[in-house]
Amino acid sequence: MVVLATAEEKSFVPSLLEAPDESEFGAHKNRPPKPNYTIDTVHRLKETFRASDKLFLLIGMDAFADIAKWHQAEALFRECEFIVASRPGYSLADVANALPESLRPRPEVTKPFHKQAATGDLVLPGVTIHLLADLRQPAAATAIRAAAAAGKPLGRFVEPAVAEYIRKMGLYK
């Protein structure tokens, strides 16, 4: 889908870092592919880094709201800083409360921030989050997946080639 979405952008070079390995296409076709965890991708990517390199993970607030449920979420925060694209209706307290329990501030600490917009930087022990405010992207990935699951047209969300691929492959059903 990345190749299809960026086909018109000649300066973009899609990565195969998360592509399934050949064994997933061989004799084990009847077995579901193993999960592709973000922490594993981060580890593979960091193997190519110099010691001075820094890694940032860009994610929308709608997806970040579930970050505590991710595989090895605490380790992910040790490996990279997060850039979270804020969405209307989310507060700074929502960002802090989405963290894995071991990294989350106590409720009395976050309570004053329930009405404060999710902007600026949130730096806690073991966590650095940069919040992007005023993002003008009209759709979140969760909205795209929900529309695909409901069989609704995806043209307003993604390039036609991507919408066709999602439909043809039966993704997000």
C-alpha atoms as a PDB file:
ATOM      1  CA  MET A   1       0.000   0.000   0.000  1.00  0.00           C
ATOM      2  CA  VAL A   2       2.914   2.331   0.675  1.00  0.00           C
ATOM      3  CA  VAL A   3       4.205   1.782  -2.866  1.00  0.00           C
ATOM      4  CA  LEU A   4       0.758   2.551  -4.291  1.00  0.00           C
ATOM      5  CA  ALA A   5       0.240   5.601  -2.070  1.00  0.00           C
ATOM      6  CA  THR A   6       3.627   7.125  -2.928  1.00  0.00           C
ATOM      7  CA  ALA A   7       3.826   6.174  -6.619  1.00  0.00           C
ATOM      8  CA  GLU A   8       3.579   9.811  -7.727  1.00  0.00           C
ATOM      9  CA  GLU A   9       6.278  10.951  -5.302  1.00  0.00           C
ATOM     10  CA  LYS A  10       9.478  10.045  -7.145  1.00  0.00           C
ATOM     11  CA  SER A  11      11.676  11.084  -4.204  1.00  0.00           C
ATOM     12  CA  PHE A  12      10.010   8.535  -1.885  1.00  0.00           C
ATOM     13  CA  VAL A  13      11.649   5.144  -1.550  1.00  0.00           C
ATOM     14  CA  PRO A  14       9.394   2.641   0.227  1.00  0.00           C
ATOM     15  CA  SER A  15      11.169   0.349   2.655  1.00  0.00           C
ATOM     16  CA  LEU A  16      10.856  -3.432   2.758  1.00  0.00           C
ATOM     17  CA  LEU A  17      11.784  -3.466   6.443  1.00  0.00           C
ATOM     18  CA  GLU A  18       8.342  -4.752   7.449  1.00  0.00           C
ATOM     19  CA  ALA A  19       7.738  -6.943   4.414  1.00  0.00           C
ATOM     20  CA  PRO A  20       7.018 -10.604   5.200  1.00  0.00           C
ATOM     21  CA  ASP A  21      10.033 -12.853   4.775  1.00  0.00           C
ATOM     22  CA  GLU A  22      10.062 -15.492   2.052  1.00  0.00           C
ATOM     23  CA  SER A  23       9.190 -18.315   4.456  1.00  0.00           C
ATOM     24  CA  GLU A  24       5.724 -16.798   4.832  1.00  0.00           C
ATOM     25  CA  PHE A  25       5.105 -17.345   1.116  1.00  0.00           C
ATOM     26  CA  GLY A  26       6.484 -20.891   0.935  1.00  0.00           C
ATOM     27  CA  ALA A  27       5.217 -24.209   2.249  1.00  0.00           C
ATOM     28  CA  HIS A  28       3.472 -22.631   5.247  1.00  0.00           C
ATOM     29  CA  LYS A  29       0.816 -20.732   3.296  1.00  0.00           C
ATOM     30  CA  ASN A  30      -1.981 -22.232   5.405  1.00  0.00           C
ATOM     31  CA  ARG A  31      -0.498 -20.815   8.585  1.00  0.00           C
ATOM     32  CA  PRO A  32      -1.330 -17.176   9.364  1.00  0.00           C
ATOM     33  CA  PRO A  33       1.669 -14.835   9.131  1.00  0.00           C
ATOM     34  CA  LYS A  34       3.359 -14.064  12.405  1.00  0.00           C
ATOM     35  CA  PRO A  35       2.524 -10.662  13.886  1.00  0.00           C
ATOM     36  CA  ASN A  36       4.676  -7.715  12.909  1.00  0.00           C
ATOM     37  CA  TYR A  37       5.352  -5.854  16.143  1.00  0.00           C
ATOM     38  CA  THR A  38       6.557  -2.256  16.152  1.00  0.00           C
ATOM     39  CA  ILE A  39       9.203  -3.031  18.782  1.00  0.00           C
ATOM     40  CA  ASP A  40      10.776  -5.594  16.420  1.00  0.00           C
ATOM     41  CA  THR A  41      10.794  -3.095  13.553  1.00  0.00           C
ATOM     42  CA  VAL A  42      12.409  -0.488  15.813  1.00  0.00           C
ATOM     43  CA  HIS A  43      15.115  -2.962  16.875  1.00  0.00           C
ATOM     44  CA  ARG A  44      15.852  -3.903  13.228  1.00  0.00           C
ATOM     45  CA  LEU A  45      15.971  -0.256  12.231  1.00  0.00           C
ATOM     46  CA  LYS A  46      18.253   0.735  15.101  1.00  0.00           C
ATOM     47  CA  GLU A  47      20.750  -1.946  14.049  1.00  0.00           C
ATOM     48  CA  THR A  48      21.529   0.318  11.086  1.00  0.00           C
ATOM     49  CA  PHE A  49      21.982   3.467  13.198  1.00  0.00           C
ATOM     50  CA  ARG A  50      25.079   5.215  14.458  1.00  0.00           C
ATOM     51  CA  ALA A  51      25.293   5.763  18.211  1.00  0.00           C
ATOM     52  CA  SER A  52      24.381   9.435  17.777  1.00  0.00           C
ATOM     53  CA  ASP A  53      21.242   8.747  15.710  1.00  0.00           C
ATOM     54  CA  LYS A  54      17.835   9.318  17.238  1.00  0.00           C
ATOM     55  CA  LEU A  55      14.595   7.572  16.315  1.00  0.00           C
ATOM     56  CA  PHE A  56      11.130   9.137  16.416  1.00  0.00           C
ATOM     57  CA  LEU A  57       7.893   7.218  16.001  1.00  0.00           C
ATOM     58  CA  LEU A  58       5.122   9.253  14.357  1.00  0.00           C
ATOM     59  CA  ILE A  59       1.608   8.168  15.325  1.00  0.00           C
ATOM     60  CA  GLY A  60      -1.868   9.652  15.386  1.00  0.00           C
ATOM     61  CA  MET A  61      -3.567  10.268  18.720  1.00  0.00           C
ATOM     62  CA  ASP A  62      -6.357   7.836  17.888  1.00  0.00           C
ATOM     63  CA  ALA A  63      -3.783   5.010  17.616  1.00  0.00           C
ATOM     64  CA  PHE A  64      -1.716   6.315  20.533  1.00  0.00           C
ATOM     65  CA  ALA A  65      -4.799   6.021  22.752  1.00  0.00           C
ATOM     66  CA  ASP A  66      -4.252   2.220  22.607  1.00  0.00           C
ATOM     67  CA  ILE A  67      -0.453   2.263  22.993  1.00  0.00           C
ATOM     68  CA  ALA A  68      -0.576   0.568  26.406  1.00  0.00           C
ATOM     69  CA  LYS A  69      -2.013  -2.535  24.674  1.00  0.00           C
ATOM     70  CA  TRP A  70       0.878  -2.793  22.200  1.00  0.00           C
ATOM     71  CA  HIS A  71       3.392  -5.624  22.411  1.00  0.00           C
ATOM     72  CA  GLN A  72       6.246  -4.556  24.724  1.00  0.00           C
ATOM     73  CA  ALA A  73       4.936  -0.999  24.929  1.00  0.00           C
ATOM     74  CA  GLU A  74       7.238   0.000  27.801  1.00  0.00           C
ATOM     75  CA  ALA A  75      10.292  -1.120  25.812  1.00  0.00           C
ATOM     76  CA  LEU A  76       9.136   0.917  22.831  1.00  0.00           C
ATOM     77  CA  PHE A  77       9.282   4.106  24.907  1.00  0.00           C
ATOM     78  CA  ARG A  78      12.871   3.283  25.898  1.00  0.00           C
ATOM     79  CA  GLU A  79      13.860   2.835  22.253  1.00  0.00           C
ATOM     80  CA  CYS A  80      12.445   5.995  20.687  1.00  0.00           C
ATOM     81  CA  GLU A  81      10.708   9.283  21.214  1.00  0.00           C
ATOM     82  CA  PHE A  82       7.128   9.658  20.028  1.00  0.00           C
ATOM     83  CA  ILE A  83       5.635  12.345  17.847  1.00  0.00           C
ATOM     84  CA  VAL A  84       1.878  12.218  18.381  1.00  0.00           C
ATOM     85  CA  ALA A  85      -0.410  13.973  15.927  1.00  0.00           C
ATOM     86  CA  SER A  86      -3.118  15.433  18.109  1.00  0.00           C
ATOM     87  CA  ARG A  87      -6.771  15.240  17.189  1.00  0.00           C
ATOM     88  CA  PRO A  88      -9.628  17.478  18.325  1.00  0.00           C
ATOM     89  CA  GLY A  89     -11.153  16.425  21.616  1.00  0.00           C
ATOM     90  CA  TYR A  90      -7.995  14.952  23.177  1.00  0.00           C
ATOM     91  CA  SER A  91      -6.407  16.588  26.209  1.00  0.00           C
ATOM     92  CA  LEU A  92      -2.904  16.455  27.614  1.00  0.00           C
ATOM     93  CA  ALA A  93      -4.305  14.198  30.351  1.00  0.00           C
ATOM     94  CA  ASP A  94      -5.604  11.808  27.670  1.00  0.00           C
ATOM     95  CA  VAL A  95      -2.083  11.512  26.282  1.00  0.00           C
ATOM     96  CA  ALA A  96      -0.575  10.816  29.707  1.00  0.00           C
ATOM     97  CA  ASN A  97      -3.342   8.374  30.647  1.00  0.00           C
ATOM     98  CA  ALA A  98      -2.821   6.383  27.436  1.00  0.00           C
ATOM     99  CA  LEU A  99       0.682   5.417  28.558  1.00  0.00           C
ATOM    100  CA  PRO A 100       1.406   1.921  29.853  1.00  0.00           C
ATOM    101  CA  GLU A 101       0.593   1.753  33.548  1.00  0.00           C
ATOM    102  CA  SER A 102       4.250   1.544  34.592  1.00  0.00           C
ATOM    103  CA  LEU A 103       4.971   4.869  32.819  1.00  0.00           C
ATOM    104  CA  ARG A 104       1.693   6.653  33.537  1.00  0.00           C
ATOM    105  CA  PRO A 105       1.604   9.547  36.007  1.00  0.00           C
ATOM    106  CA  ARG A 106      -0.655   9.186  39.036  1.00  0.00           C
ATOM    107  CA  PRO A 107      -4.268  10.380  38.499  1.00  0.00           C
ATOM    108  CA  GLU A 108      -3.813  13.350  40.823  1.00  0.00           C
ATOM    109  CA  VAL A 109      -0.977  14.551  38.589  1.00  0.00           C
ATOM    110  CA  THR A 110      -2.991  14.375  35.353  1.00  0.00           C
ATOM    111  CA  LYS A 111      -6.309  15.662  36.729  1.00  0.00           C
ATOM    112  CA  PRO A 112      -5.475  19.383  36.204  1.00  0.00           C
ATOM    113  CA  PHE A 113      -4.721  18.698  32.527  1.00  0.00           C
ATOM    114  CA  HIS A 114      -8.092  17.221  31.489  1.00  0.00           C
ATOM    115  CA  LYS A 115      -9.104  20.461  29.760  1.00  0.00           C
ATOM    116  CA  GLN A 116      -5.670  21.392  28.414  1.00  0.00           C
ATOM    117  CA  ALA A 117      -5.193  20.755  24.702  1.00  0.00           C
ATOM    118  CA  ALA A 118      -2.674  18.097  23.713  1.00  0.00           C
ATOM    119  CA  THR A 119       0.154  20.383  22.572  1.00  0.00           C
ATOM    120  CA  GLY A 120       3.833  20.863  23.320  1.00  0.00           C
ATOM    121  CA  ASP A 121       6.120  18.222  24.772  1.00  0.00           C
ATOM    122  CA  LEU A 122       5.355  15.707  27.490  1.00  0.00           C
ATOM    123  CA  VAL A 123       8.506  14.543  29.237  1.00  0.00           C
ATOM    124  CA  LEU A 124       8.199  11.988  32.012  1.00  0.00           C
ATOM    125  CA  PRO A 125      10.687   9.466  33.398  1.00  0.00           C
ATOM    126  CA  GLY A 126      11.299   7.053  30.520  1.00  0.00           C
ATOM    127  CA  VAL A 127       8.943   8.885  28.121  1.00  0.00           C
ATOM    128  CA  THR A 128       9.338  11.752  25.674  1.00  0.00           C
ATOM    129  CA  ILE A 129       6.334  12.708  23.571  1.00  0.00           C
ATOM    130  CA  HIS A 130       6.215  15.617  21.137  1.00  0.00           C
ATOM    131  CA  LEU A 131       2.634  16.641  20.397  1.00  0.00           C
ATOM    132  CA  LEU A 132       1.707  18.039  17.003  1.00  0.00           C
ATOM    133  CA  ALA A 133      -1.253  20.355  17.268  1.00  0.00           C
ATOM    134  CA  ASP A 134      -3.505  21.667  14.502  1.00  0.00           C
ATOM    135  CA  LEU A 135      -2.951  18.729  12.202  1.00  0.00           C
ATOM    136  CA  ARG A 136      -4.945  19.291   9.036  1.00  0.00           C
ATOM    137  CA  GLN A 137      -5.226  15.633   8.019  1.00  0.00           C
ATOM    138  CA  PRO A 138      -8.971  14.997   7.711  1.00  0.00           C
ATOM    139  CA  ALA A 139      -8.933  11.246   8.392  1.00  0.00           C
ATOM    140  CA  ALA A 140      -7.321   8.973  10.898  1.00  0.00           C
ATOM    141  CA  ALA A 141      -6.208   5.425  10.097  1.00  0.00           C
ATOM    142  CA  THR A 142      -8.900   4.113  12.428  1.00  0.00           C
ATOM    143  CA  ALA A 143     -11.549   5.915  10.341  1.00  0.00           C
ATOM    144  CA  ILE A 144     -10.141   4.416   7.146  1.00  0.00           C
ATOM    145  CA  ARG A 145     -10.178   0.894   8.612  1.00  0.00           C
ATOM    146  CA  ALA A 146     -13.730   1.400   9.911  1.00  0.00           C
ATOM    147  CA  ALA A 147     -14.939   2.609   6.497  1.00  0.00           C
ATOM    148  CA  ALA A 148     -13.280  -0.365   4.780  1.00  0.00           C
ATOM    149  CA  ALA A 149     -14.817  -2.787   7.285  1.00  0.00           C
ATOM    150  CA  ALA A 150     -18.244  -1.290   6.603  1.00  0.00           C
ATOM    151  CA  GLY A 151     -17.742  -1.572   2.824  1.00  0.00           C
ATOM    152  CA  LYS A 152     -17.909   2.218   2.365  1.00  0.00           C
ATOM    153  CA  PRO A 153     -16.018   4.021  -0.428  1.00  0.00           C
ATOM    154  CA  LEU A 154     -12.469   5.012   0.541  1.00  0.00           C
ATOM    155  CA  GLY A 155     -11.826   7.619  -2.161  1.00  0.00           C
ATOM    156  CA  ARG A 156     -11.979  10.570   0.215  1.00  0.00           C
ATOM    157  CA  PHE A 157      -9.372   8.945   2.480  1.00  0.00           C
ATOM    158  CA  VAL A 158      -6.768   7.327   0.228  1.00  0.00           C
ATOM    159  CA  GLU A 159      -5.503   7.280  -3.352  1.00  0.00           C
ATOM    160  CA  PRO A 160      -7.728   5.271  -5.735  1.00  0.00           C
ATOM    161  CA  ALA A 161      -5.041   2.590  -6.209  1.00  0.00           C
ATOM    162  CA  VAL A 162      -4.819   2.092  -2.435  1.00  0.00           C
ATOM    163  CA  ALA A 163      -8.610   1.928  -2.092  1.00  0.00           C
ATOM    164  CA  GLU A 164      -8.735  -0.702  -4.857  1.00  0.00           C
ATOM    165  CA  TYR A 165      -5.976  -2.741  -3.193  1.00  0.00           C
ATOM    166  CA  ILE A 166      -7.809  -2.684   0.154  1.00  0.00           C
ATOM    167  CA  ARG A 167     -11.018  -3.779  -1.578  1.00  0.00           C
ATOM    168  CA  LYS A 168      -9.364  -6.488  -3.691  1.00  0.00           C
ATOM    169  CA  MET A 169      -7.393  -7.964  -0.779  1.00  0.00           C
ATOM    170  CA  GLY A 170     -10.375  -7.795   1.599  1.00  0.00           C
ATOM    171  CA  LEU A 171      -8.377  -5.857   4.168  1.00  0.00           C
ATOM    172  CA  TYR A 172      -9.916  -4.611   7.426  1.00  0.00           C
ATOM    173  CA  LYS A 173     -12.995  -6.836   7.131  1.00  0.00           C
END
